[in-house]
């Protein structure tokens, strides 16, 4: 993103405004986020630029506007979901003060982590209260478009498709691939009822996308970010994502996260921890089947698959 393009986006939203400083906050696979400081203004803003699919911008806008008031989401100040001329789609939002749950967790303050995890569970319950007529991919207008995967046993079959890819086979040893395959198919009767659930799932509800902050001496969620992967699916997908790094031998977020969820009206099936880990295999295997992954991310995902397969 060149300074000239960035300045043109700001000019469309705030004619005459001048950017004093632009800091890249995150540069993911699809989008970029910049923290902007304006000359003569005390409050920073965030410019979110959608580099690929304009439909993702419209989808996120629809979700943010739909959830505002029930879920802590950033306010939208200006948006151009179709872009303009040679500019990509973009959104301007106020900068939300806080730190990621991941940063808080790394700090090791168990009481702060417990409070924030409980709040995250409450927020997730509010997200999952929203339902659709069927499971599937969400598009603009929050309409459910294509199914996540046609037919019965969708999760085991999707994992098998990933396991058969050359990319994943180069990253996971054969014995581990076989163990994942057996785990998914042995659990297929338990996974089948989850495959027809149709609740709003964030799709990337992890410790990086949950911002937290302390107010009046208590930690709580300040905002849930990055809704581009949201789908209509089973709530256990978000549980598996958030608790990926949680180990029974050294719990931090649990049981506070699930207690907060249940206390806010959410419901969980028996043996939900094991089922959530199995559901998360879908996301882990999909990532490992991609053409390119940063080396550290690849190593992290392989380790997660090994740990999850060992627990399930």
Protein backbone atom coordinates (compact mmCIF):
# COMPACT_ATOMS: atom_id res chain seq x y z
CA UNK A 1 0.00 0.00 0.00
CA UNK A 2 1.70 3.20 -1.16
CA UNK A 3 1.33 6.45 0.83
CA UNK A 4 -0.35 8.01 -2.21
CA UNK A 5 -3.09 5.35 -2.41
CA UNK A 6 -3.63 5.53 1.34
CA UNK A 7 -3.94 9.32 1.17
CA UNK A 8 -6.51 9.05 -1.62
CA UNK A 9 -8.68 6.73 0.49
CA UNK A 10 -8.54 9.11 3.43
CA UNK A 11 -9.37 12.04 1.16
CA UNK A 12 -12.53 10.31 -0.02
CA UNK A 13 -13.68 9.81 3.55
CA UNK A 14 -12.47 13.11 5.02
CA UNK A 15 -11.77 15.75 2.38
CA UNK A 16 -8.86 17.91 3.45
CA UNK A 17 -7.65 15.57 6.20
CA UNK A 18 -3.94 14.83 6.30
CA UNK A 19 -2.36 11.67 7.69
CA UNK A 20 0.47 12.38 10.11
CA UNK A 21 1.40 8.74 10.66
CA UNK A 22 0.32 5.35 9.27
CA UNK A 23 1.23 2.16 11.10
CA UNK A 24 0.61 -1.30 9.61
CA UNK A 25 -1.24 -3.28 12.27
CA UNK A 26 -1.73 -6.57 10.46
CA UNK A 27 -1.10 -7.83 6.98
CA UNK A 28 -2.96 -11.09 6.52
CA UNK A 29 -3.64 -13.34 3.56
CA UNK A 30 -6.45 -11.13 2.26
CA UNK A 31 -6.59 -7.76 3.99
CA UNK A 32 -4.40 -5.06 5.54
CA UNK A 33 -5.10 -2.82 8.52
CA UNK A 34 -3.47 0.54 9.19
CA UNK A 35 -3.61 2.66 12.31
CA UNK A 36 -3.87 6.28 11.18
CA UNK A 37 -3.04 9.42 13.10
CA UNK A 38 -4.40 12.61 11.56
CA UNK A 39 -2.88 16.06 11.83
CA UNK A 40 -4.79 18.08 14.42
CA UNK A 41 -6.81 15.11 15.68
CA UNK A 42 -6.25 13.23 18.94
CA UNK A 43 -8.19 10.05 18.16
CA UNK A 44 -6.59 7.51 15.80
CA UNK A 45 -8.54 5.49 13.25
CA UNK A 46 -8.13 2.17 11.47
CA UNK A 47 -8.16 1.83 7.69
CA UNK A 48 -9.04 -1.71 6.64
CA UNK A 49 -8.20 -2.45 3.00
CA UNK A 50 -9.67 -5.46 1.17
CA UNK A 51 -7.08 -6.47 -1.37
CA UNK A 52 -8.92 -9.29 -3.13
CA UNK A 53 -12.64 -10.07 -2.97
CA UNK A 54 -14.94 -7.00 -2.69
CA UNK A 55 -17.72 -9.31 -1.43
CA UNK A 56 -15.76 -9.78 1.80
CA UNK A 57 -15.98 -6.08 2.54
CA UNK A 58 -19.74 -6.04 2.02
CA UNK A 59 -20.13 -9.17 4.14
CA UNK A 60 -18.15 -7.70 7.04
CA UNK A 61 -20.07 -4.44 6.83
CA UNK A 62 -23.38 -6.27 6.93
CA UNK A 63 -22.29 -8.32 9.93
CA UNK A 64 -20.91 -5.35 11.87
CA UNK A 65 -24.09 -3.35 11.32
CA UNK A 66 -26.28 -6.33 12.18
CA UNK A 67 -24.41 -7.13 15.40
CA UNK A 68 -23.89 -3.57 16.64
CA UNK A 69 -25.54 -3.22 20.05
CA UNK A 70 -25.47 -6.93 20.88
CA UNK A 71 -21.79 -7.74 20.25
CA UNK A 72 -18.79 -5.43 20.76
CA UNK A 73 -17.77 -4.65 17.18
CA UNK A 74 -15.98 -1.59 15.75
CA UNK A 75 -18.08 1.31 14.54
CA UNK A 76 -18.00 1.98 10.80
CA UNK A 77 -17.28 5.65 10.01
CA UNK A 78 -16.88 5.39 6.25
CA UNK A 79 -17.00 2.47 3.83
CA UNK A 80 -16.60 1.94 0.11
CA UNK A 81 -17.33 -1.77 -0.32
CA UNK A 82 -17.02 -1.63 -4.09
CA UNK A 83 -13.91 0.52 -4.10
CA UNK A 84 -13.68 3.41 -6.51
CA UNK A 85 -11.77 3.93 -9.72
CA UNK A 86 -8.50 2.07 -9.12
CA UNK A 87 -8.90 1.88 -5.32
CA UNK A 88 -9.71 -1.43 -3.58
CA UNK A 89 -12.67 -1.70 -1.18
CA UNK A 90 -11.94 -0.13 2.21
CA UNK A 91 -13.48 0.78 5.57
CA UNK A 92 -12.55 3.45 8.12
CA UNK A 93 -13.28 2.71 11.78
CA UNK A 94 -12.28 4.23 15.12
CA UNK A 95 -9.23 2.61 16.65
CA UNK A 96 -10.32 0.40 19.56
CA UNK A 97 -7.98 0.68 22.53
CA UNK A 98 -6.98 -2.64 23.99
CA UNK A 99 -4.70 -5.62 23.57
CA UNK A 100 -5.34 -8.98 21.98
CA UNK A 101 -6.31 -11.88 24.19
CA UNK A 102 -3.09 -13.53 22.99
CA UNK A 103 -1.03 -10.67 24.43
CA UNK A 104 -2.91 -10.87 27.72
CA UNK A 105 -2.42 -14.63 27.86
CA UNK A 106 1.31 -14.28 27.26
CA UNK A 107 1.50 -11.89 30.22
CA UNK A 108 0.58 -14.75 32.54
CA UNK A 109 -1.77 -12.85 34.89
CA UNK A 110 -4.15 -15.71 35.65
CA UNK A 111 -6.86 -13.55 37.22
CA UNK A 112 -6.88 -11.14 34.26
CA UNK A 113 -6.96 -14.08 31.83
CA UNK A 114 -9.86 -15.67 33.71
CA UNK A 115 -11.89 -12.45 33.61
CA UNK A 116 -11.24 -11.85 29.91
CA UNK A 117 -11.94 -15.50 29.02
CA UNK A 118 -15.28 -15.35 30.84
CA UNK A 119 -16.17 -12.17 28.95
CA UNK A 120 -15.14 -13.80 25.65
CA UNK A 121 -17.47 -16.71 26.40
CA UNK A 122 -20.35 -14.32 27.06
CA UNK A 123 -19.69 -12.48 23.79
CA UNK A 124 -19.51 -15.74 21.86
CA UNK A 125 -22.90 -16.78 23.26
CA UNK A 126 -24.34 -13.50 21.93
CA UNK A 127 -22.86 -14.24 18.49
CA UNK A 128 -24.24 -17.78 18.43
CA UNK A 129 -27.76 -16.62 19.31
CA UNK A 130 -28.12 -15.61 15.66
CA UNK A 131 -29.41 -18.44 13.48
CA UNK A 132 -30.02 -19.12 9.79
CA UNK A 133 -32.29 -21.40 7.80
CA UNK A 134 -29.44 -23.72 6.82
CA UNK A 135 -25.68 -24.12 7.19
CA UNK A 136 -23.37 -22.71 4.53
CA UNK A 137 -21.18 -19.85 3.39
CA UNK A 138 -22.44 -16.35 4.16
CA UNK A 139 -22.49 -13.75 1.44
CA UNK A 140 -23.45 -10.07 1.22
CA UNK A 141 -26.82 -9.39 2.79
CA UNK A 142 -26.08 -12.27 5.20
CA UNK A 143 -27.70 -14.71 2.82
CA UNK A 144 -26.59 -18.32 3.09
CA UNK A 145 -25.13 -19.20 -0.29
CA UNK A 146 -23.47 -22.51 -1.11
CA UNK A 147 -23.25 -25.28 1.50
CA UNK A 148 -19.92 -25.75 3.23
CA UNK A 149 -19.75 -29.19 1.58
CA UNK A 150 -22.56 -31.15 -0.06
CA UNK A 151 -23.72 -34.48 1.30
CA UNK A 152 -23.42 -36.53 4.47
CA UNK A 153 -20.24 -36.85 6.56
CA UNK A 154 -19.09 -33.47 5.28
CA UNK A 155 -16.38 -32.95 7.91
CA UNK A 156 -14.60 -36.32 7.53
CA UNK A 157 -14.86 -36.08 3.74
CA UNK A 158 -13.45 -32.55 3.69
CA UNK A 159 -10.57 -33.55 5.94
CA UNK A 160 -9.87 -36.49 3.62
CA UNK A 161 -9.74 -34.12 0.64
CA UNK A 162 -7.15 -32.06 2.49
CA UNK A 163 -5.20 -35.14 3.56
CA UNK A 164 -4.99 -36.19 -0.11
CA UNK A 165 -3.47 -32.89 -1.21
CA UNK A 166 0.21 -32.82 -2.09
CA UNK A 167 0.75 -29.73 0.05
CA UNK A 168 -0.54 -31.37 3.21
CA UNK A 169 1.21 -34.67 2.49
CA UNK A 170 4.49 -32.80 2.27
CA UNK A 171 3.83 -31.28 5.69
CA UNK A 172 2.38 -34.16 7.72
CA UNK A 173 3.92 -37.64 8.03
CA UNK A 174 1.82 -40.55 6.78
CA UNK A 175 1.24 -42.02 10.24
CA UNK A 176 -0.21 -38.76 11.51
CA UNK A 177 -2.39 -38.38 8.41
CA UNK A 178 -3.76 -41.87 8.98
CA UNK A 179 -4.51 -41.08 12.62
CA UNK A 180 -6.42 -37.93 11.69
CA UNK A 181 -8.39 -39.86 9.05
CA UNK A 182 -9.34 -42.59 11.55
CA UNK A 183 -10.30 -40.09 14.26
CA UNK A 184 -12.61 -38.14 11.97
CA UNK A 185 -14.41 -41.19 10.58
CA UNK A 186 -14.73 -42.93 13.94
CA UNK A 187 -16.44 -39.78 15.22
CA UNK A 188 -18.68 -39.35 12.16
CA UNK A 189 -21.90 -40.35 14.00
CA UNK A 190 -21.21 -37.65 16.62
CA UNK A 191 -20.20 -35.08 14.01
CA UNK A 192 -23.30 -35.62 11.85
CA UNK A 193 -25.70 -33.61 14.09
CA UNK A 194 -23.15 -30.76 14.20
CA UNK A 195 -23.03 -30.57 10.40
CA UNK A 196 -26.68 -29.44 10.20
CA UNK A 197 -26.39 -26.70 12.83
CA UNK A 198 -26.95 -23.23 11.39
CA UNK A 199 -25.78 -20.61 13.88
CA UNK A 200 -23.64 -17.59 13.21
CA UNK A 201 -20.02 -18.68 13.58
CA UNK A 202 -17.24 -16.10 13.53
CA UNK A 203 -14.92 -18.55 11.80
CA UNK A 204 -11.72 -17.02 13.16
CA UNK A 205 -12.56 -16.52 16.83
CA UNK A 206 -9.05 -16.70 18.15
CA UNK A 207 -6.90 -14.84 20.59
CA UNK A 208 -5.66 -12.46 17.88
CA UNK A 209 -9.12 -11.26 16.85
CA UNK A 210 -10.50 -10.73 20.36
CA UNK A 211 -9.44 -7.37 21.82
CA UNK A 212 -9.65 -6.97 25.58
CA UNK A 213 -9.06 -4.16 28.04
CA UNK A 214 -9.42 -3.42 31.75
CA UNK A 215 -12.15 -1.06 32.96
CA UNK A 216 -12.97 -0.44 36.62
CA UNK A 217 -10.44 -3.09 37.56
CA UNK A 218 -11.94 -5.88 35.44
CA UNK A 219 -10.91 -7.27 32.07
CA UNK A 220 -13.52 -7.71 29.35
CA UNK A 221 -13.84 -7.88 25.56
CA UNK A 222 -13.48 -4.49 23.85
CA UNK A 223 -14.12 -5.68 20.28
CA UNK A 224 -14.31 -8.75 18.08
CA UNK A 225 -12.49 -8.14 14.81
CA UNK A 226 -12.17 -9.69 11.33
CA UNK A 227 -15.51 -11.22 10.32
CA UNK A 228 -14.54 -12.24 6.79
CA UNK A 229 -14.63 -15.98 7.57
CA UNK A 230 -18.06 -15.96 9.24
CA UNK A 231 -20.35 -18.84 8.24
CA UNK A 232 -23.57 -20.55 9.25
CA UNK A 233 -22.35 -23.67 11.02
CA UNK A 234 -21.76 -25.37 14.36
CA UNK A 235 -20.75 -23.18 17.32
CA UNK A 236 -18.10 -25.76 18.21
CA UNK A 237 -15.99 -24.41 15.33
CA UNK A 238 -15.43 -21.21 17.33
CA UNK A 239 -14.70 -23.20 20.50
CA UNK A 240 -12.12 -25.32 18.72
CA UNK A 241 -10.45 -22.20 17.34
CA UNK A 242 -10.35 -20.24 20.59
CA UNK A 243 -9.12 -23.19 22.66
CA UNK A 244 -6.55 -24.52 20.19
CA UNK A 245 -3.63 -23.79 22.47
CA UNK A 246 -5.44 -24.71 25.69
CA UNK A 247 -4.09 -27.90 27.20
CA UNK A 248 -5.82 -29.87 29.96
CA UNK A 249 -2.52 -30.09 31.83
CA UNK A 250 -2.10 -26.29 31.97
CA UNK A 251 -5.49 -24.60 31.53
CA UNK A 252 -5.74 -20.81 31.46
CA UNK A 253 -8.90 -19.82 29.58
CA UNK A 254 -10.85 -22.78 30.87
CA UNK A 255 -13.22 -23.28 32.63
CA UNK A 256 -13.85 -19.53 32.58
CA UNK A 257 -14.50 -19.37 28.83
CA UNK A 258 -17.15 -22.12 28.77
CA UNK A 259 -18.64 -20.93 32.09
CA UNK A 260 -19.11 -17.47 30.60
CA UNK A 261 -20.68 -19.00 27.50
CA UNK A 262 -23.12 -21.17 29.45
CA UNK A 263 -23.93 -18.39 31.89
CA UNK A 264 -24.90 -16.12 28.97
CA UNK A 265 -27.36 -18.66 27.60
CA UNK A 266 -25.16 -20.76 25.31
CA UNK A 267 -25.44 -24.54 25.27
CA UNK A 268 -22.81 -27.22 24.79
CA UNK A 269 -23.17 -30.95 24.10
CA UNK A 270 -21.66 -33.63 26.31
CA UNK A 271 -17.98 -34.21 25.57
CA UNK A 272 -17.86 -30.83 23.79
CA UNK A 273 -14.11 -30.38 24.30
CA UNK A 274 -13.26 -33.50 22.28
CA UNK A 275 -15.83 -32.67 19.61
CA UNK A 276 -14.53 -29.11 19.30
CA UNK A 277 -11.01 -30.43 18.74
CA UNK A 278 -12.29 -32.74 16.01
CA UNK A 279 -14.23 -29.91 14.34
CA UNK A 280 -11.07 -27.83 14.45
CA UNK A 281 -9.27 -30.46 12.36
CA UNK A 282 -11.29 -29.09 9.44
CA UNK A 283 -9.67 -25.65 9.78
CA UNK A 284 -6.21 -26.99 10.57
CA UNK A 285 -6.17 -29.36 7.60
CA UNK A 286 -7.54 -26.70 5.26
CA UNK A 287 -4.69 -24.39 6.25
CA UNK A 288 -2.08 -27.12 5.80
CA UNK A 289 -3.40 -27.84 2.31
CA UNK A 290 -2.73 -24.27 1.11
CA UNK A 291 -0.11 -23.63 -1.52
CA UNK A 292 1.93 -21.34 0.70
CA UNK A 293 2.35 -20.88 4.42
CA UNK A 294 4.98 -18.94 6.38
CA UNK A 295 7.48 -21.39 7.86
CA UNK A 296 6.60 -20.51 11.45
CA UNK A 297 2.86 -20.88 10.78
CA UNK A 298 3.41 -24.25 9.11
CA UNK A 299 5.43 -25.53 12.06
CA UNK A 300 2.79 -24.25 14.46
CA UNK A 301 -0.05 -25.97 12.60
CA UNK A 302 1.80 -29.28 12.39
CA UNK A 303 2.44 -29.16 16.13
CA UNK A 304 -1.23 -28.42 16.76
CA UNK A 305 -2.36 -31.38 14.66
CA UNK A 306 0.05 -33.64 16.54
CA UNK A 307 -1.15 -32.38 19.93
CA UNK A 308 -4.84 -32.53 18.97
CA UNK A 309 -4.54 -36.03 17.54
CA UNK A 310 -2.84 -37.11 20.73
CA UNK A 311 -5.67 -35.72 22.90
CA UNK A 312 -8.64 -36.92 20.85
